Amino acid sequence: MKKLTVVMLLTLAVTLGAYAADQSFTLSQPEVVNGQTIAAGHYDVRYVVHGSSAEVKWLKEGKTIATATGQVAQSDRKSEYNFIDTARNASGETQIKEVHFQGKTDYVQFSNDTAANGK
């Protein structure tokens, strides 16, 4: 019984500490993330949350195109749709700053260093 309780608590801790989800996004123009330019097009975006950080992967036809790590932030209400917030970087390229997910209050923020260097 004691072993079962320990296993259940460990399972619960792992479940609460990390979760994953997939969403679909369409980029209307090239975007920069993790120092890589992602061409305009339709992508599946997979993200895995680990506490206050998240690993985000952009996939096309099941193949990883780019990966970046960002900080998880909270909104006061659920996002009504998937969207990406961008800004121009020093080179004039459009850089992904935030990724918001439909039906979620959490979203992922990338700092200039994180989005450009994957740190």
N, C-alpha and C. Protein backbone atom coordinates (compact mmCIF):
# COMPACT_ATOMS: atom_id res chain seq x y z
N MET A 1 0.83 -1.20 0.00
CA MET A 1 0.00 0.00 0.00
C MET A 1 0.87 1.25 0.00
N LYS A 2 1.94 1.22 0.78
CA LYS A 2 2.83 2.37 0.86
C LYS A 2 3.48 2.65 -0.49
N LYS A 3 3.89 1.57 -1.21
CA LYS A 3 4.49 1.72 -2.54
C LYS A 3 3.49 2.34 -3.50
N LEU A 4 2.26 1.89 -3.45
CA LEU A 4 1.22 2.41 -4.34
C LEU A 4 1.00 3.89 -4.10
N THR A 5 0.98 4.32 -2.85
CA THR A 5 0.80 5.73 -2.51
C THR A 5 1.96 6.56 -3.04
N VAL A 6 3.19 6.08 -2.88
CA VAL A 6 4.36 6.80 -3.37
C VAL A 6 4.32 6.93 -4.89
N VAL A 7 3.98 5.85 -5.58
CA VAL A 7 3.88 5.87 -7.04
C VAL A 7 2.80 6.85 -7.48
N MET A 8 1.66 6.85 -6.82
CA MET A 8 0.58 7.77 -7.17
C MET A 8 1.00 9.21 -6.95
N LEU A 9 1.70 9.51 -5.86
CA LEU A 9 2.17 10.87 -5.59
C LEU A 9 3.20 11.31 -6.62
N LEU A 10 4.11 10.42 -7.00
CA LEU A 10 5.10 10.76 -8.03
C LEU A 10 4.43 11.02 -9.37
N THR A 11 3.46 10.20 -9.71
CA THR A 11 2.72 10.39 -10.96
C THR A 11 2.00 11.73 -10.95
N LEU A 12 1.38 12.07 -9.85
CA LEU A 12 0.70 13.35 -9.72
C LEU A 12 1.68 14.50 -9.85
N ALA A 13 2.83 14.41 -9.21
CA ALA A 13 3.84 15.48 -9.28
C ALA A 13 4.33 15.68 -10.70
N VAL A 14 4.57 14.61 -11.43
CA VAL A 14 5.01 14.71 -12.82
C VAL A 14 3.91 15.31 -13.67
N THR A 15 2.68 14.88 -13.46
CA THR A 15 1.55 15.39 -14.22
C THR A 15 1.36 16.88 -14.00
N LEU A 16 1.48 17.34 -12.77
CA LEU A 16 1.30 18.76 -12.48
C LEU A 16 2.49 19.59 -12.93
N GLY A 17 3.67 19.00 -12.99
CA GLY A 17 4.88 19.74 -13.32
C GLY A 17 5.10 19.96 -14.80
N ALA A 18 4.50 19.16 -15.66
CA ALA A 18 4.71 19.30 -17.10
C ALA A 18 3.46 18.85 -17.84
N TYR A 19 3.15 19.57 -18.90
CA TYR A 19 2.08 19.12 -19.77
C TYR A 19 2.39 19.57 -21.19
N ALA A 20 1.79 18.89 -22.14
CA ALA A 20 2.04 19.18 -23.54
C ALA A 20 0.72 19.42 -24.26
N ALA A 21 0.81 20.16 -25.34
CA ALA A 21 -0.37 20.41 -26.17
C ALA A 21 0.08 20.75 -27.58
N ASP A 22 -0.79 20.51 -28.55
CA ASP A 22 -0.54 20.84 -29.95
C ASP A 22 -1.61 21.81 -30.42
N GLN A 23 -1.20 22.79 -31.20
CA GLN A 23 -2.12 23.75 -31.79
C GLN A 23 -1.67 24.01 -33.23
N SER A 24 -2.55 24.56 -34.06
CA SER A 24 -2.22 24.88 -35.45
C SER A 24 -2.12 26.39 -35.62
N PHE A 25 -1.13 26.82 -36.41
CA PHE A 25 -0.91 28.23 -36.69
C PHE A 25 -0.63 28.39 -38.18
N THR A 26 -1.03 29.53 -38.73
CA THR A 26 -0.67 29.89 -40.09
C THR A 26 0.11 31.19 -40.04
N LEU A 27 1.31 31.18 -40.59
CA LEU A 27 2.14 32.38 -40.67
C LEU A 27 1.91 33.02 -42.03
N SER A 28 1.56 34.29 -42.05
CA SER A 28 1.30 34.98 -43.32
C SER A 28 2.57 35.54 -43.93
N GLN A 29 3.65 35.57 -43.16
CA GLN A 29 4.94 36.06 -43.63
C GLN A 29 6.03 35.31 -42.89
N PRO A 30 7.27 35.37 -43.35
CA PRO A 30 8.35 34.70 -42.62
C PRO A 30 8.51 35.29 -41.22
N GLU A 31 8.79 34.44 -40.25
CA GLU A 31 8.99 34.84 -38.85
C GLU A 31 10.30 34.24 -38.37
N VAL A 32 10.97 34.93 -37.44
CA VAL A 32 12.23 34.44 -36.89
C VAL A 32 12.00 33.93 -35.48
N VAL A 33 12.49 32.72 -35.20
CA VAL A 33 12.49 32.17 -33.85
C VAL A 33 13.72 31.29 -33.73
N ASN A 34 14.38 31.37 -32.59
CA ASN A 34 15.56 30.55 -32.34
C ASN A 34 16.63 30.76 -33.41
N GLY A 35 16.70 31.98 -33.93
CA GLY A 35 17.69 32.30 -34.95
C GLY A 35 17.37 31.72 -36.31
N GLN A 36 16.24 31.06 -36.46
CA GLN A 36 15.86 30.45 -37.73
C GLN A 36 14.65 31.16 -38.30
N THR A 37 14.66 31.37 -39.60
CA THR A 37 13.50 31.95 -40.26
C THR A 37 12.54 30.83 -40.64
N ILE A 38 11.30 31.00 -40.22
CA ILE A 38 10.25 30.05 -40.57
C ILE A 38 9.45 30.67 -41.71
N ALA A 39 9.37 29.98 -42.82
CA ALA A 39 8.67 30.48 -43.99
C ALA A 39 7.17 30.61 -43.70
N ALA A 40 6.52 31.48 -44.46
CA ALA A 40 5.06 31.58 -44.36
C ALA A 40 4.45 30.22 -44.67
N GLY A 41 3.38 29.89 -43.97
CA GLY A 41 2.70 28.62 -44.20
C GLY A 41 1.97 28.13 -42.97
N HIS A 42 1.44 26.93 -43.06
CA HIS A 42 0.67 26.33 -41.97
C HIS A 42 1.57 25.40 -41.16
N TYR A 43 1.51 25.51 -39.83
CA TYR A 43 2.36 24.73 -38.93
C TYR A 43 1.56 24.18 -37.76
N ASP A 44 1.99 23.02 -37.29
CA ASP A 44 1.54 22.53 -36.00
C ASP A 44 2.57 23.02 -35.00
N VAL A 45 2.10 23.56 -33.89
CA VAL A 45 2.99 24.05 -32.85
C VAL A 45 2.75 23.20 -31.61
N ARG A 46 3.81 22.55 -31.18
CA ARG A 46 3.75 21.67 -30.01
C ARG A 46 4.51 22.37 -28.89
N TYR A 47 3.89 22.44 -27.73
CA TYR A 47 4.58 23.03 -26.60
C TYR A 47 4.46 22.15 -25.37
N VAL A 48 5.55 22.11 -24.62
CA VAL A 48 5.60 21.34 -23.39
C VAL A 48 5.99 22.30 -22.28
N VAL A 49 5.13 22.40 -21.28
CA VAL A 49 5.35 23.30 -20.15
C VAL A 49 6.04 22.55 -19.03
N HIS A 50 7.11 23.13 -18.51
CA HIS A 50 7.85 22.60 -17.36
C HIS A 50 7.92 23.72 -16.33
N GLY A 51 6.95 23.78 -15.45
CA GLY A 51 6.94 24.84 -14.44
C GLY A 51 6.73 26.20 -15.08
N SER A 52 7.74 27.07 -14.99
CA SER A 52 7.61 28.43 -15.52
C SER A 52 8.22 28.58 -16.91
N SER A 53 8.71 27.50 -17.50
CA SER A 53 9.25 27.60 -18.86
C SER A 53 8.54 26.60 -19.77
N ALA A 54 8.69 26.82 -21.07
CA ALA A 54 8.06 25.94 -22.06
C ALA A 54 8.98 25.78 -23.25
N GLU A 55 9.00 24.57 -23.78
CA GLU A 55 9.70 24.31 -25.03
C GLU A 55 8.64 24.31 -26.12
N VAL A 56 8.88 25.10 -27.16
CA VAL A 56 7.92 25.24 -28.25
C VAL A 56 8.58 24.75 -29.54
N LYS A 57 7.87 23.87 -30.26
CA LYS A 57 8.38 23.35 -31.53
C LYS A 57 7.40 23.68 -32.64
N TRP A 58 7.92 24.14 -33.77
CA TRP A 58 7.13 24.38 -34.96
C TRP A 58 7.36 23.19 -35.89
N LEU A 59 6.27 22.52 -36.29
CA LEU A 59 6.38 21.32 -37.13
C LEU A 59 5.61 21.51 -38.43
N LYS A 60 6.17 20.97 -39.49
CA LYS A 60 5.50 20.96 -40.80
C LYS A 60 5.59 19.54 -41.31
N GLU A 61 4.42 18.95 -41.57
CA GLU A 61 4.33 17.56 -42.02
C GLU A 61 5.09 16.62 -41.09
N GLY A 62 4.99 16.88 -39.77
CA GLY A 62 5.59 16.03 -38.76
C GLY A 62 7.07 16.27 -38.52
N LYS A 63 7.69 17.16 -39.28
CA LYS A 63 9.12 17.44 -39.16
C LYS A 63 9.35 18.74 -38.39
N THR A 64 10.22 18.70 -37.37
CA THR A 64 10.51 19.90 -36.58
C THR A 64 11.28 20.90 -37.43
N ILE A 65 10.73 22.11 -37.54
CA ILE A 65 11.34 23.19 -38.31
C ILE A 65 12.17 24.09 -37.40
N ALA A 66 11.67 24.36 -36.20
CA ALA A 66 12.36 25.23 -35.24
C ALA A 66 11.92 24.89 -33.83
N THR A 67 12.81 25.15 -32.87
CA THR A 67 12.52 24.92 -31.46
C THR A 67 13.03 26.12 -30.67
N ALA A 68 12.26 26.56 -29.69
CA ALA A 68 12.68 27.67 -28.83
C ALA A 68 12.11 27.45 -27.43
N THR A 69 12.83 27.93 -26.44
CA THR A 69 12.37 27.87 -25.05
C THR A 69 11.99 29.27 -24.60
N GLY A 70 10.84 29.38 -23.94
CA GLY A 70 10.37 30.67 -23.45
C GLY A 70 9.81 30.55 -22.05
N GLN A 71 9.36 31.67 -21.53
CA GLN A 71 8.78 31.73 -20.20
C GLN A 71 7.26 31.69 -20.31
N VAL A 72 6.64 30.91 -19.43
CA VAL A 72 5.19 30.83 -19.38
C VAL A 72 4.65 32.04 -18.63
N ALA A 73 3.67 32.69 -19.23
CA ALA A 73 3.00 33.84 -18.60
C ALA A 73 1.51 33.54 -18.56
N GLN A 74 0.78 34.28 -17.73
CA GLN A 74 -0.65 34.06 -17.56
C GLN A 74 -1.43 35.29 -17.99
N SER A 75 -2.53 35.04 -18.69
CA SER A 75 -3.46 36.09 -19.05
C SER A 75 -4.64 36.02 -18.08
N ASP A 76 -5.41 37.08 -17.98
CA ASP A 76 -6.56 37.07 -17.07
C ASP A 76 -7.77 36.36 -17.67
N ARG A 77 -7.70 36.00 -18.97
CA ARG A 77 -8.79 35.24 -19.59
C ARG A 77 -8.23 34.32 -20.66
N LYS A 78 -9.02 33.32 -21.03
CA LYS A 78 -8.61 32.37 -22.05
C LYS A 78 -8.54 33.04 -23.42
N SER A 79 -7.56 32.64 -24.20
CA SER A 79 -7.44 33.16 -25.56
C SER A 79 -8.56 32.59 -26.41
N GLU A 80 -9.17 33.44 -27.22
CA GLU A 80 -10.28 33.00 -28.08
C GLU A 80 -9.77 32.26 -29.31
N TYR A 81 -8.51 32.45 -29.65
CA TYR A 81 -7.93 31.80 -30.83
C TYR A 81 -6.41 31.74 -30.69
N ASN A 82 -5.76 30.98 -31.54
CA ASN A 82 -4.30 30.93 -31.58
C ASN A 82 -3.78 32.20 -32.24
N PHE A 83 -2.76 32.80 -31.66
CA PHE A 83 -2.13 33.93 -32.34
C PHE A 83 -0.70 34.12 -31.85
N ILE A 84 0.08 34.80 -32.69
CA ILE A 84 1.47 35.08 -32.41
C ILE A 84 1.66 36.58 -32.39
N ASP A 85 2.34 37.08 -31.35
CA ASP A 85 2.68 38.50 -31.24
C ASP A 85 4.13 38.64 -31.72
N THR A 86 4.36 39.61 -32.60
CA THR A 86 5.69 39.77 -33.19
C THR A 86 6.21 41.19 -33.00
N ALA A 87 7.50 41.35 -33.27
CA ALA A 87 8.16 42.66 -33.27
C ALA A 87 9.32 42.58 -34.24
N ARG A 88 9.77 43.72 -34.71
CA ARG A 88 10.94 43.76 -35.59
C ARG A 88 12.20 43.67 -34.74
N ASN A 89 13.15 42.83 -35.17
CA ASN A 89 14.43 42.77 -34.46
C ASN A 89 15.40 43.78 -35.06
N ALA A 90 16.63 43.83 -34.56
CA ALA A 90 17.62 44.82 -35.01
C ALA A 90 17.92 44.70 -36.50
N SER A 91 17.75 43.52 -37.06
CA SER A 91 18.01 43.29 -38.49
C SER A 91 16.80 43.63 -39.36
N GLY A 92 15.69 44.02 -38.73
CA GLY A 92 14.48 44.35 -39.47
C GLY A 92 13.61 43.15 -39.77
N GLU A 93 13.96 41.97 -39.24
CA GLU A 93 13.16 40.78 -39.45
C GLU A 93 12.02 40.74 -38.43
N THR A 94 10.94 40.07 -38.79
CA THR A 94 9.83 39.90 -37.87
C THR A 94 10.14 38.74 -36.94
N GLN A 95 10.19 39.04 -35.66
CA GLN A 95 10.58 38.07 -34.65
C GLN A 95 9.39 37.71 -33.77
N ILE A 96 9.22 36.43 -33.48
CA ILE A 96 8.13 35.98 -32.61
C ILE A 96 8.45 36.36 -31.17
N LYS A 97 7.55 37.10 -30.53
CA LYS A 97 7.71 37.52 -29.13
C LYS A 97 6.85 36.69 -28.18
N GLU A 98 5.63 36.33 -28.62
CA GLU A 98 4.70 35.57 -27.78
C GLU A 98 3.89 34.63 -28.65
N VAL A 99 3.53 33.48 -28.07
CA VAL A 99 2.63 32.53 -28.72
C VAL A 99 1.47 32.28 -27.77
N HIS A 100 0.25 32.56 -28.24
CA HIS A 100 -0.97 32.39 -27.45
C HIS A 100 -1.76 31.23 -28.03
N PHE A 101 -2.37 30.44 -27.15
CA PHE A 101 -3.04 29.21 -27.55
C PHE A 101 -4.53 29.28 -27.24
N GLN A 102 -5.35 28.93 -28.22
CA GLN A 102 -6.80 28.96 -28.07
C GLN A 102 -7.25 28.15 -26.86
N GLY A 103 -8.11 28.76 -26.05
CA GLY A 103 -8.69 28.07 -24.90
C GLY A 103 -7.78 28.01 -23.68
N LYS A 104 -6.61 28.65 -23.75
CA LYS A 104 -5.64 28.61 -22.64
C LYS A 104 -5.45 30.01 -22.05
N THR A 105 -5.21 30.05 -20.75
CA THR A 105 -4.86 31.33 -20.12
C THR A 105 -3.36 31.54 -20.13
N ASP A 106 -2.60 30.45 -20.26
CA ASP A 106 -1.15 30.62 -20.30
C ASP A 106 -0.68 30.78 -21.74
N TYR A 107 0.42 31.49 -21.90
CA TYR A 107 1.05 31.70 -23.20
C TYR A 107 2.55 31.73 -22.98
N VAL A 108 3.31 31.68 -24.07
CA VAL A 108 4.76 31.62 -23.97
C VAL A 108 5.36 32.91 -24.50
N GLN A 109 6.25 33.49 -23.70
CA GLN A 109 6.97 34.72 -24.07
C GLN A 109 8.41 34.36 -24.39
N PHE A 110 8.94 34.97 -25.47
CA PHE A 110 10.34 34.79 -25.81
C PHE A 110 11.04 36.14 -25.65
N SER A 111 12.16 36.16 -24.94
CA SER A 111 12.95 37.39 -24.89
C SER A 111 13.71 37.48 -26.18
N ASN A 112 14.29 38.63 -26.46
CA ASN A 112 15.08 38.78 -27.69
C ASN A 112 16.17 37.72 -27.73
N ASP A 113 16.87 37.49 -26.63
CA ASP A 113 17.93 36.50 -26.58
C ASP A 113 17.38 35.10 -26.73
N THR A 114 16.25 34.80 -26.08
CA THR A 114 15.66 33.46 -26.14
C THR A 114 15.21 33.15 -27.56
N ALA A 115 14.47 34.06 -28.18
CA ALA A 115 13.94 33.77 -29.50
C ALA A 115 15.06 33.74 -30.54
N ALA A 116 16.07 34.56 -30.37
CA ALA A 116 17.14 34.61 -31.36
C ALA A 116 18.14 33.48 -31.19
N ASN A 117 18.39 33.06 -29.95
CA ASN A 117 19.47 32.10 -29.70
C ASN A 117 19.02 30.77 -29.15
N GLY A 118 17.75 30.62 -28.86
CA GLY A 118 17.27 29.35 -28.32
C GLY A 118 17.69 29.10 -26.89
N LYS A 119 18.04 30.13 -26.16
CA LYS A 119 18.46 29.98 -24.75
C LYS A 119 17.30 30.14 -23.82
